[in-house]
Amino acid sequence: AAVTAVRKLEQAANSAISTADKSATERIAKNEEETSRLRECV
């Protein structure tokens, strides 16, 4: 029972980390795109 519960928690944590990773990657790409746009404008 403990191993099953811990595995569920690990899956939830991995899912949360994956979501945070995706979100951070998207924000980084958006920031890089904006900086590239500003560089071209300058």
PDB file of all heavy atoms in Angstrom:
ATOM      1  N   ALA A   1       0.833  -1.209   0.000  1.00  0.00           N
ATOM      2  CA  ALA A   1       0.000   0.000   0.000  1.00  0.00           C
ATOM      3  C   ALA A   1       0.864   1.254   0.000  1.00  0.00           C
ATOM      4  O   ALA A   1       0.586   2.218  -0.724  1.00  0.00           O
ATOM      5  CB  ALA A   1      -0.935  -0.001   1.207  1.00  0.00           C
ATOM      6  N   ALA A   2       1.937   1.255   0.796  1.00  0.00           N
ATOM      7  CA  ALA A   2       2.830   2.420   0.858  1.00  0.00           C
ATOM      8  C   ALA A   2       3.543   2.626  -0.474  1.00  0.00           C
ATOM      9  O   ALA A   2       3.648   3.758  -0.967  1.00  0.00           O
ATOM     10  CB  ALA A   2       3.846   2.249   1.987  1.00  0.00           C
ATOM     11  N   VAL A   3       4.025   1.554  -1.078  1.00  0.00           N
ATOM     12  CA  VAL A   3       4.723   1.671  -2.365  1.00  0.00           C
ATOM     13  C   VAL A   3       3.770   2.191  -3.440  1.00  0.00           C
ATOM     14  O   VAL A   3       4.124   3.065  -4.241  1.00  0.00           O
ATOM     15  CB  VAL A   3       5.339   0.309  -2.779  1.00  0.00           C
ATOM     16  CG1 VAL A   3       5.763   0.306  -4.229  1.00  0.00           C
ATOM     17  CG2 VAL A   3       6.512  -0.022  -1.878  1.00  0.00           C
ATOM     18  N   THR A   4       2.552   1.695  -3.450  1.00  0.00           N
ATOM     19  CA  THR A   4       1.559   2.161  -4.424  1.00  0.00           C
ATOM     20  C   THR A   4       1.276   3.646  -4.234  1.00  0.00           C
ATOM     21  O   THR A   4       1.229   4.409  -5.212  1.00  0.00           O
ATOM     22  CB  THR A   4       0.256   1.346  -4.292  1.00  0.00           C
ATOM     23  OG1 THR A   4       0.558  -0.037  -4.489  1.00  0.00           O
ATOM     24  CG2 THR A   4      -0.785   1.801  -5.281  1.00  0.00           C
ATOM     25  N   ALA A   5       1.098   4.063  -2.994  1.00  0.00           N
ATOM     26  CA  ALA A   5       0.820   5.478  -2.721  1.00  0.00           C
ATOM     27  C   ALA A   5       2.004   6.357  -3.105  1.00  0.00           C
ATOM     28  O   ALA A   5       1.827   7.431  -3.690  1.00  0.00           O
ATOM     29  CB  ALA A   5       0.475   5.658  -1.246  1.00  0.00           C
ATOM     30  N   VAL A   6       3.210   5.915  -2.791  1.00  0.00           N
ATOM     31  CA  VAL A   6       4.405   6.700  -3.128  1.00  0.00           C
ATOM     32  C   VAL A   6       4.561   6.784  -4.644  1.00  0.00           C
ATOM     33  O   VAL A   6       4.911   7.845  -5.182  1.00  0.00           O
ATOM     34  CB  VAL A   6       5.664   6.099  -2.456  1.00  0.00           C
ATOM     35  CG1 VAL A   6       6.928   6.708  -3.008  1.00  0.00           C
ATOM     36  CG2 VAL A   6       5.596   6.303  -0.952  1.00  0.00           C
ATOM     37  N   ARG A   7       4.275   5.723  -5.363  1.00  0.00           N
ATOM     38  CA  ARG A   7       4.352   5.764  -6.832  1.00  0.00           C
ATOM     39  C   ARG A   7       3.352   6.758  -7.411  1.00  0.00           C
ATOM     40  O   ARG A   7       3.644   7.468  -8.363  1.00  0.00           O
ATOM     41  CB  ARG A   7       4.131   4.374  -7.420  1.00  0.00           C
ATOM     42  CG  ARG A   7       5.345   3.499  -7.260  1.00  0.00           C
ATOM     43  CD  ARG A   7       5.285   2.275  -8.133  1.00  0.00           C
ATOM     44  NE  ARG A   7       6.500   1.503  -7.962  1.00  0.00           N
ATOM     45  CZ  ARG A   7       6.533   0.189  -7.820  1.00  0.00           C
ATOM     46  NH1 ARG A   7       5.416  -0.503  -7.872  1.00  0.00           N
ATOM     47  NH2 ARG A   7       7.677  -0.436  -7.663  1.00  0.00           N
ATOM     48  N   LYS A   8       2.154   6.800  -6.832  1.00  0.00           N
ATOM     49  CA  LYS A   8       1.161   7.788  -7.288  1.00  0.00           C
ATOM     50  C   LYS A   8       1.668   9.201  -7.051  1.00  0.00           C
ATOM     51  O   LYS A   8       1.500  10.079  -7.891  1.00  0.00           O
ATOM     52  CB  LYS A   8      -0.181   7.570  -6.575  1.00  0.00           C
ATOM     53  CG  LYS A   8      -0.952   6.373  -7.073  1.00  0.00           C
ATOM     54  CD  LYS A   8      -2.276   6.236  -6.336  1.00  0.00           C
ATOM     55  CE  LYS A   8      -3.028   5.007  -6.789  1.00  0.00           C
ATOM     56  NZ  LYS A   8      -4.277   4.814  -6.040  1.00  0.00           N
ATOM     57  N   LEU A   9       2.273   9.420  -5.885  1.00  0.00           N
ATOM     58  CA  LEU A   9       2.828  10.743  -5.584  1.00  0.00           C
ATOM     59  C   LEU A   9       3.971  11.085  -6.532  1.00  0.00           C
ATOM     60  O   LEU A   9       4.089  12.226  -6.984  1.00  0.00           O
ATOM     61  CB  LEU A   9       3.313  10.802  -4.137  1.00  0.00           C
ATOM     62  CG  LEU A   9       2.213  10.823  -3.082  1.00  0.00           C
ATOM     63  CD1 LEU A   9       2.796  10.642  -1.683  1.00  0.00           C
ATOM     64  CD2 LEU A   9       1.435  12.119  -3.154  1.00  0.00           C
ATOM     65  N   GLU A  10       4.802  10.116  -6.836  1.00  0.00           N
ATOM     66  CA  GLU A  10       5.897  10.346  -7.791  1.00  0.00           C
ATOM     67  C   GLU A  10       5.348  10.721  -9.159  1.00  0.00           C
ATOM     68  O   GLU A  10       5.871  11.633  -9.813  1.00  0.00           O
ATOM     69  CB  GLU A  10       6.769   9.091  -7.921  1.00  0.00           C
ATOM     70  CG  GLU A  10       7.684   8.845  -6.752  1.00  0.00           C
ATOM     71  CD  GLU A  10       8.443   7.526  -6.881  1.00  0.00           C
ATOM     72  OE1 GLU A  10       8.128   6.723  -7.793  1.00  0.00           O
ATOM     73  OE2 GLU A  10       9.359   7.304  -6.078  1.00  0.00           O
ATOM     74  N   GLN A  11       4.306  10.029  -9.594  1.00  0.00           N
ATOM     75  CA  GLN A  11       3.696  10.343 -10.892  1.00  0.00           C
ATOM     76  C   GLN A  11       3.123  11.749 -10.896  1.00  0.00           C
ATOM     77  O   GLN A  11       3.276  12.492 -11.869  1.00  0.00           O
ATOM     78  CB  GLN A  11       2.614   9.313 -11.239  1.00  0.00           C
ATOM     79  CG  GLN A  11       3.168   7.949 -11.576  1.00  0.00           C
ATOM     80  CD  GLN A  11       2.071   6.889 -11.721  1.00  0.00           C
ATOM     81  OE1 GLN A  11       0.921   7.119 -11.360  1.00  0.00           O
ATOM     82  NE2 GLN A  11       2.446   5.725 -12.239  1.00  0.00           N
ATOM     83  N   ALA A  12       2.475  12.137  -9.806  1.00  0.00           N
ATOM     84  CA  ALA A  12       1.917  13.491  -9.708  1.00  0.00           C
ATOM     85  C   ALA A  12       3.043  14.531  -9.721  1.00  0.00           C
ATOM     86  O   ALA A  12       2.939  15.564 -10.385  1.00  0.00           O
ATOM     87  CB  ALA A  12       1.075  13.629  -8.441  1.00  0.00           C
ATOM     88  N   ALA A  13       4.120  14.248  -8.989  1.00  0.00           N
ATOM     89  CA  ALA A  13       5.259  15.173  -8.959  1.00  0.00           C
ATOM     90  C   ALA A  13       5.905  15.274 -10.336  1.00  0.00           C
ATOM     91  O   ALA A  13       6.233  16.371 -10.798  1.00  0.00           O
ATOM     92  CB  ALA A  13       6.282  14.716  -7.919  1.00  0.00           C
ATOM     93  N   ASN A  14       6.082  14.145 -10.994  1.00  0.00           N
ATOM     94  CA  ASN A  14       6.669  14.156 -12.338  1.00  0.00           C
ATOM     95  C   ASN A  14       5.793  14.925 -13.316  1.00  0.00           C
ATOM     96  O   ASN A  14       6.297  15.652 -14.176  1.00  0.00           O
ATOM     97  CB  ASN A  14       6.915  12.736 -12.839  1.00  0.00           C
ATOM     98  CG  ASN A  14       8.069  12.066 -12.146  1.00  0.00           C
ATOM     99  OD1 ASN A  14       8.936  12.723 -11.572  1.00  0.00           O
ATOM    100  ND2 ASN A  14       8.099  10.753 -12.160  1.00  0.00           N
ATOM    101  N   SER A  15       4.490  14.776 -13.181  1.00  0.00           N
ATOM    102  CA  SER A  15       3.565  15.513 -14.040  1.00  0.00           C
ATOM    103  C   SER A  15       3.684  17.015 -13.787  1.00  0.00           C
ATOM    104  O   SER A  15       3.716  17.817 -14.725  1.00  0.00           O
ATOM    105  CB  SER A  15       2.135  15.035 -13.779  1.00  0.00           C
ATOM    106  OG  SER A  15       1.231  15.803 -14.524  1.00  0.00           O
ATOM    107  N   ALA A  16       3.752  17.400 -12.512  1.00  0.00           N
ATOM    108  CA  ALA A  16       3.885  18.824 -12.176  1.00  0.00           C
ATOM    109  C   ALA A  16       5.207  19.386 -12.684  1.00  0.00           C
ATOM    110  O   ALA A  16       5.254  20.503 -13.216  1.00  0.00           O
ATOM    111  CB  ALA A  16       3.778  19.012 -10.663  1.00  0.00           C
ATOM    112  N   ILE A  17       6.272  18.612 -12.563  1.00  0.00           N
ATOM    113  CA  ILE A  17       7.580  19.056 -13.046  1.00  0.00           C
ATOM    114  C   ILE A  17       7.571  19.175 -14.561  1.00  0.00           C
ATOM    115  O   ILE A  17       8.104  20.131 -15.128  1.00  0.00           O
ATOM    116  CB  ILE A  17       8.685  18.100 -12.550  1.00  0.00           C
ATOM    117  CG1 ILE A  17       8.879  18.275 -11.046  1.00  0.00           C
ATOM    118  CG2 ILE A  17       9.998  18.342 -13.291  1.00  0.00           C
ATOM    119  CD1 ILE A  17       9.734  17.211 -10.403  1.00  0.00           C
ATOM    120  N   SER A  18       6.938  18.230 -15.226  1.00  0.00           N
ATOM    121  CA  SER A  18       6.846  18.274 -16.682  1.00  0.00           C
ATOM    122  C   SER A  18       6.073  19.505 -17.147  1.00  0.00           C
ATOM    123  O   SER A  18       6.468  20.179 -18.100  1.00  0.00           O
ATOM    124  CB  SER A  18       6.170  17.001 -17.190  1.00  0.00           C
ATOM    125  OG  SER A  18       5.997  17.052 -18.572  1.00  0.00           O
ATOM    126  N   THR A  19       4.989  19.811 -16.462  1.00  0.00           N
ATOM    127  CA  THR A  19       4.192  20.991 -16.790  1.00  0.00           C
ATOM    128  C   THR A  19       5.003  22.262 -16.571  1.00  0.00           C
ATOM    129  O   THR A  19       4.987  23.174 -17.409  1.00  0.00           O
ATOM    130  CB  THR A  19       2.903  21.028 -15.939  1.00  0.00           C
ATOM    131  OG1 THR A  19       2.164  19.839 -16.200  1.00  0.00           O
ATOM    132  CG2 THR A  19       2.072  22.243 -16.241  1.00  0.00           C
ATOM    133  N   ALA A  20       5.722  22.327 -15.449  1.00  0.00           N
ATOM    134  CA  ALA A  20       6.556  23.503 -15.166  1.00  0.00           C
ATOM    135  C   ALA A  20       7.668  23.638 -16.200  1.00  0.00           C
ATOM    136  O   ALA A  20       7.990  24.753 -16.635  1.00  0.00           O
ATOM    137  CB  ALA A  20       7.152  23.397 -13.761  1.00  0.00           C
ATOM    138  N   ASP A  21       8.239  22.515 -16.608  1.00  0.00           N
ATOM    139  CA  ASP A  21       9.295  22.535 -17.614  1.00  0.00           C
ATOM    140  C   ASP A  21       8.767  23.065 -18.946  1.00  0.00           C
ATOM    141  O   ASP A  21       9.398  23.909 -19.594  1.00  0.00           O
ATOM    142  CB  ASP A  21       9.867  21.125 -17.791  1.00  0.00           C
ATOM    143  CG  ASP A  21      11.024  21.085 -18.755  1.00  0.00           C
ATOM    144  OD1 ASP A  21      11.936  21.931 -18.628  1.00  0.00           O
ATOM    145  OD2 ASP A  21      11.019  20.217 -19.652  1.00  0.00           O
ATOM    146  N   LYS A  22       7.601  22.576 -19.342  1.00  0.00           N
ATOM    147  CA  LYS A  22       6.996  23.019 -20.597  1.00  0.00           C
ATOM    148  C   LYS A  22       6.694  24.514 -20.547  1.00  0.00           C
ATOM    149  O   LYS A  22       6.980  25.254 -21.494  1.00  0.00           O
ATOM    150  CB  LYS A  22       5.723  22.228 -20.873  1.00  0.00           C
ATOM    151  CG  LYS A  22       5.040  22.587 -22.166  1.00  0.00           C
ATOM    152  CD  LYS A  22       3.786  21.765 -22.382  1.00  0.00           C
ATOM    153  CE  LYS A  22       3.096  22.186 -23.668  1.00  0.00           C
ATOM    154  NZ  LYS A  22       1.825  21.511 -23.845  1.00  0.00           N
ATOM    155  N   SER A  23       6.137  24.952 -19.437  1.00  0.00           N
ATOM    156  CA  SER A  23       5.788  26.367 -19.278  1.00  0.00           C
ATOM    157  C   SER A  23       7.038  27.242 -19.313  1.00  0.00           C
ATOM    158  O   SER A  23       7.053  28.288 -19.980  1.00  0.00           O
ATOM    159  CB  SER A  23       5.044  26.553 -17.952  1.00  0.00           C
ATOM    160  OG  SER A  23       4.801  27.902 -17.697  1.00  0.00           O
ATOM    161  N   ALA A  24       8.082  26.824 -18.601  1.00  0.00           N
ATOM    162  CA  ALA A  24       9.324  27.605 -18.581  1.00  0.00           C
ATOM    163  C   ALA A  24       9.956  27.647 -19.966  1.00  0.00           C
ATOM    164  O   ALA A  24      10.441  28.702 -20.405  1.00  0.00           O
ATOM    165  CB  ALA A  24      10.302  27.006 -17.569  1.00  0.00           C
ATOM    166  N   THR A  25       9.935  26.538 -20.663  1.00  0.00           N
ATOM    167  CA  THR A  25      10.501  26.488 -22.017  1.00  0.00           C
ATOM    168  C   THR A  25       9.742  27.429 -22.950  1.00  0.00           C
ATOM    169  O   THR A  25      10.353  28.140 -23.753  1.00  0.00           O
ATOM    170  CB  THR A  25      10.457  25.046 -22.559  1.00  0.00           C
ATOM    171  OG1 THR A  25      11.184  24.197 -21.660  1.00  0.00           O
ATOM    172  CG2 THR A  25      11.064  24.947 -23.937  1.00  0.00           C
ATOM    173  N   GLU A  26       8.425  27.448 -22.819  1.00  0.00           N
ATOM    174  CA  GLU A  26       7.623  28.346 -23.647  1.00  0.00           C
ATOM    175  C   GLU A  26       7.917  29.811 -23.334  1.00  0.00           C
ATOM    176  O   GLU A  26       8.031  30.639 -24.244  1.00  0.00           O
ATOM    177  CB  GLU A  26       6.129  28.059 -23.453  1.00  0.00           C
ATOM    178  CG  GLU A  26       5.682  26.754 -24.077  1.00  0.00           C
ATOM    179  CD  GLU A  26       4.256  26.371 -23.710  1.00  0.00           C
ATOM    180  OE1 GLU A  26       3.616  27.066 -22.884  1.00  0.00           O
ATOM    181  OE2 GLU A  26       3.779  25.345 -24.245  1.00  0.00           O
ATOM    182  N   ARG A  27       8.041  30.144 -22.039  1.00  0.00           N
ATOM    183  CA  ARG A  27       8.351  31.532 -21.662  1.00  0.00           C
ATOM    184  C   ARG A  27       9.734  31.944 -22.151  1.00  0.00           C
ATOM    185  O   ARG A  27       9.923  33.072 -22.617  1.00  0.00           O
ATOM    186  CB  ARG A  27       8.231  31.713 -20.151  1.00  0.00           C
ATOM    187  CG  ARG A  27       6.798  31.733 -19.648  1.00  0.00           C
ATOM    188  CD  ARG A  27       6.688  32.195 -18.208  1.00  0.00           C
ATOM    189  NE  ARG A  27       7.543  31.485 -17.282  1.00  0.00           N
ATOM    190  CZ  ARG A  27       7.207  30.389 -16.618  1.00  0.00           C
ATOM    191  NH1 ARG A  27       6.008  29.868 -16.769  1.00  0.00           N
ATOM    192  NH2 ARG A  27       8.058  29.811 -15.783  1.00  0.00           N
ATOM    193  N   ILE A  28      10.698  31.034 -22.065  1.00  0.00           N
ATOM    194  CA  ILE A  28      12.050  31.334 -22.543  1.00  0.00           C
ATOM    195  C   ILE A  28      12.026  31.579 -24.043  1.00  0.00           C
ATOM    196  O   ILE A  28      12.639  32.534 -24.538  1.00  0.00           O
ATOM    197  CB  ILE A  28      13.025  30.195 -22.162  1.00  0.00           C
ATOM    198  CG1 ILE A  28      13.296  30.226 -20.655  1.00  0.00           C
ATOM    199  CG2 ILE A  28      14.333  30.310 -22.940  1.00  0.00           C
ATOM    200  CD1 ILE A  28      14.045  29.023 -20.139  1.00  0.00           C
ATOM    201  N   ALA A  29      11.317  30.738 -24.781  1.00  0.00           N
ATOM    202  CA  ALA A  29      11.220  30.911 -26.240  1.00  0.00           C
ATOM    203  C   ALA A  29      10.555  32.246 -26.581  1.00  0.00           C
ATOM    204  O   ALA A  29      10.995  32.954 -27.502  1.00  0.00           O
ATOM    205  CB  ALA A  29      10.447  29.757 -26.861  1.00  0.00           C
ATOM    206  N   LYS A  30       9.505  32.601 -25.843  1.00  0.00           N
ATOM    207  CA  LYS A  30       8.806  33.871 -26.078  1.00  0.00           C
ATOM    208  C   LYS A  30       9.742  35.053 -25.802  1.00  0.00           C
ATOM    209  O   LYS A  30       9.776  36.015 -26.576  1.00  0.00           O
ATOM    210  CB  LYS A  30       7.564  33.948 -25.197  1.00  0.00           C
ATOM    211  CG  LYS A  30       6.718  35.169 -25.439  1.00  0.00           C
ATOM    212  CD  LYS A  30       5.483  35.147 -24.566  1.00  0.00           C
ATOM    213  CE  LYS A  30       4.666  36.424 -24.760  1.00  0.00           C
ATOM    214  NZ  LYS A  30       3.511  36.461 -23.867  1.00  0.00           N
ATOM    215  N   ASN A  31      10.497  34.971 -24.709  1.00  0.00           N
ATOM    216  CA  ASN A  31      11.446  36.046 -24.384  1.00  0.00           C
ATOM    217  C   ASN A  31      12.536  36.163 -25.446  1.00  0.00           C
ATOM    218  O   ASN A  31      12.928  37.275 -25.823  1.00  0.00           O
ATOM    219  CB  ASN A  31      12.073  35.815 -23.008  1.00  0.00           C
ATOM    220  CG  ASN A  31      11.104  36.045 -21.872  1.00  0.00           C
ATOM    221  OD1 ASN A  31      10.088  36.716 -22.033  1.00  0.00           O
ATOM    222  ND2 ASN A  31      11.405  35.481 -20.725  1.00  0.00           N
ATOM    223  N   GLU A  32      13.033  35.025 -25.921  1.00  0.00           N
ATOM    224  CA  GLU A  32      14.070  35.042 -26.964  1.00  0.00           C
ATOM    225  C   GLU A  32      13.513  35.639 -28.262  1.00  0.00           C
ATOM    226  O   GLU A  32      14.205  36.392 -28.951  1.00  0.00           O
ATOM    227  CB  GLU A  32      14.607  33.630 -27.217  1.00  0.00           C
ATOM    228  CG  GLU A  32      15.504  33.118 -26.116  1.00  0.00           C
ATOM    229  CD  GLU A  32      15.925  31.682 -26.312  1.00  0.00           C
ATOM    230  OE1 GLU A  32      15.400  30.995 -27.235  1.00  0.00           O
ATOM    231  OE2 GLU A  32      16.790  31.219 -25.546  1.00  0.00           O
ATOM    232  N   GLU A  33      12.270  35.309 -28.567  1.00  0.00           N
ATOM    233  CA  GLU A  33      11.631  35.854 -29.769  1.00  0.00           C
ATOM    234  C   GLU A  33      11.501  37.382 -29.659  1.00  0.00           C
ATOM    235  O   GLU A  33      11.786  38.102 -30.618  1.00  0.00           O
ATOM    236  CB  GLU A  33      10.254  35.213 -29.933  1.00  0.00           C
ATOM    237  CG  GLU A  33       9.516  35.613 -31.176  1.00  0.00           C
ATOM    238  CD  GLU A  33       8.174  34.908 -31.258  1.00  0.00           C
ATOM    239  OE1 GLU A  33       8.149  33.667 -31.177  1.00  0.00           O
ATOM    240  OE2 GLU A  33       7.156  35.620 -31.401  1.00  0.00           O
ATOM    241  N   GLU A  34      11.077  37.853 -28.495  1.00  0.00           N
ATOM    242  CA  GLU A  34      10.934  39.303 -28.289  1.00  0.00           C
ATOM    243  C   GLU A  34      12.288  40.006 -28.365  1.00  0.00           C
ATOM    244  O   GLU A  34      12.409  41.067 -28.988  1.00  0.00           O
ATOM    245  CB  GLU A  34      10.266  39.577 -26.932  1.00  0.00           C
ATOM    246  CG  GLU A  34      10.152  41.042 -26.562  1.00  0.00           C
ATOM    247  CD  GLU A  34       9.228  41.846 -27.472  1.00  0.00           C
ATOM    248  OE1 GLU A  34       8.484  41.248 -28.274  1.00  0.00           O
ATOM    249  OE2 GLU A  34       9.264  43.083 -27.386  1.00  0.00           O
ATOM    250  N   THR A  35      13.305  39.407 -27.773  1.00  0.00           N
ATOM    251  CA  THR A  35      14.641  40.004 -27.831  1.00  0.00           C
ATOM    252  C   THR A  35      15.153  40.027 -29.263  1.00  0.00           C
ATOM    253  O   THR A  35      15.746  41.018 -29.698  1.00  0.00           O
ATOM    254  CB  THR A  35      15.622  39.238 -26.910  1.00  0.00           C
ATOM    255  OG1 THR A  35      15.110  39.274 -25.574  1.00  0.00           O
ATOM    256  CG2 THR A  35      17.001  39.848 -26.931  1.00  0.00           C
ATOM    257  N   SER A  36      14.912  38.969 -30.015  1.00  0.00           N
ATOM    258  CA  SER A  36      15.317  38.942 -31.431  1.00  0.00           C
ATOM    259  C   SER A  36      14.608  40.034 -32.213  1.00  0.00           C
ATOM    260  O   SER A  36      15.215  40.704 -33.062  1.00  0.00           O
ATOM    261  CB  SER A  36      15.006  37.580 -32.053  1.00  0.00           C
ATOM    262  OG  SER A  36      15.783  36.587 -31.480  1.00  0.00           O
ATOM    263  N   ARG A  37      13.327  40.218 -31.926  1.00  0.00           N
ATOM    264  CA  ARG A  37      12.565  41.274 -32.589  1.00  0.00           C
ATOM    265  C   ARG A  37      13.154  42.647 -32.270  1.00  0.00           C
ATOM    266  O   ARG A  37      13.335  43.488 -33.157  1.00  0.00           O
ATOM    267  CB  ARG A  37      11.098  41.225 -32.159  1.00  0.00           C
ATOM    268  CG  ARG A  37      10.199  42.178 -32.943  1.00  0.00           C
ATOM    269  CD  ARG A  37       8.823  42.300 -32.327  1.00  0.00           C
ATOM    270  NE  ARG A  37       8.804  42.938 -31.027  1.00  0.00           N
ATOM    271  CZ  ARG A  37       8.958  44.259 -30.815  1.00  0.00           C
ATOM    272  NH1 ARG A  37       9.173  45.066 -31.826  1.00  0.00           N
ATOM    273  NH2 ARG A  37       8.916  44.741 -29.606  1.00  0.00           N
ATOM    274  N   LEU A  38      13.493  42.853 -30.994  1.00  0.00           N
ATOM    275  CA  LEU A  38      14.084  44.136 -30.595  1.00  0.00           C
ATOM    276  C   LEU A  38      15.467  44.332 -31.230  1.00  0.00           C
ATOM    277  O   LEU A  38      15.807  45.445 -31.653  1.00  0.00           O
ATOM    278  CB  LEU A  38      14.181  44.219 -29.068  1.00  0.00           C
ATOM    279  CG  LEU A  38      12.860  44.346 -28.325  1.00  0.00           C
ATOM    280  CD1 LEU A  38      13.081  44.225 -26.821  1.00  0.00           C
ATOM    281  CD2 LEU A  38      12.165  45.647 -28.681  1.00  0.00           C
ATOM    282  N   ARG A  39      16.255  43.278 -31.288  1.00  0.00           N
ATOM    283  CA  ARG A  39      17.576  43.385 -31.932  1.00  0.00           C
ATOM    284  C   ARG A  39      17.439  43.797 -33.397  1.00  0.00           C
ATOM    285  O   ARG A  39      18.190  44.641 -33.882  1.00  0.00           O
ATOM    286  CB  ARG A  39      18.310  42.042 -31.863  1.00  0.00           C
ATOM    287  CG  ARG A  39      18.880  41.700 -30.535  1.00  0.00           C
ATOM    288  CD  ARG A  39      19.607  40.345 -30.633  1.00  0.00           C
ATOM    289  NE  ARG A  39      19.816  39.770 -29.346  1.00  0.00           N
ATOM    290  CZ  ARG A  39      20.767  40.133 -28.505  1.00  0.00           C
ATOM    291  NH1 ARG A  39      21.584  41.102 -28.840  1.00  0.00           N
ATOM    292  NH2 ARG A  39      20.892  39.555 -27.334  1.00  0.00           N
ATOM    293  N   GLU A  40      16.499  43.173 -34.100  1.00  0.00           N
ATOM    294  CA  GLU A  40      16.286  43.486 -35.515  1.00  0.00           C
ATOM    295  C   GLU A  40      15.809  44.930 -35.663  1.00  0.00           C
ATOM    296  O   GLU A  40      16.261  45.650 -36.567  1.00  0.00           O
ATOM    297  CB  GLU A  40      15.270  42.507 -36.130  1.00  0.00           C
ATOM    298  CG  GLU A  40      15.074  42.671 -37.606  1.00  0.00           C
ATOM    299  CD  GLU A  40      16.314  42.378 -38.433  1.00  0.00           C
ATOM    300  OE1 GLU A  40      17.265  41.759 -37.934  1.00  0.00           O
ATOM    301  OE2 GLU A  40      16.325  42.796 -39.612  1.00  0.00           O
ATOM    302  N   CYS A  41      14.956  45.363 -34.803  1.00  0.00           N
ATOM    303  CA  CYS A  41      14.456  46.732 -34.828  1.00  0.00           C
ATOM    304  C   CYS A  41      15.602  47.730 -34.614  1.00  0.00           C
ATOM    305  O   CYS A  41      15.707  48.731 -35.328  1.00  0.00           O
ATOM    306  CB  CYS A  41      13.387  46.898 -33.744  1.00  0.00           C
ATOM    307  SG  CYS A  41      12.652  48.518 -33.634  1.00  0.00           S
ATOM    308  N   VAL A  42      16.488  47.434 -33.659  1.00  0.00           N
ATOM    309  CA  VAL A  42      17.647  48.309 -33.402  1.00  0.00           C
ATOM    310  C   VAL A  42      18.597  48.263 -34.590  1.00  0.00           C
ATOM    311  O   VAL A  42      19.120  49.293 -35.028  1.00  0.00           O
ATOM    312  CB  VAL A  42      18.366  47.897 -32.087  1.00  0.00           C
ATOM    313  CG1 VAL A  42      19.712  48.578 -31.959  1.00  0.00           C
ATOM    314  CG2 VAL A  42      17.485  48.215 -30.889  1.00  0.00           C
TER     315      VAL A  42
END
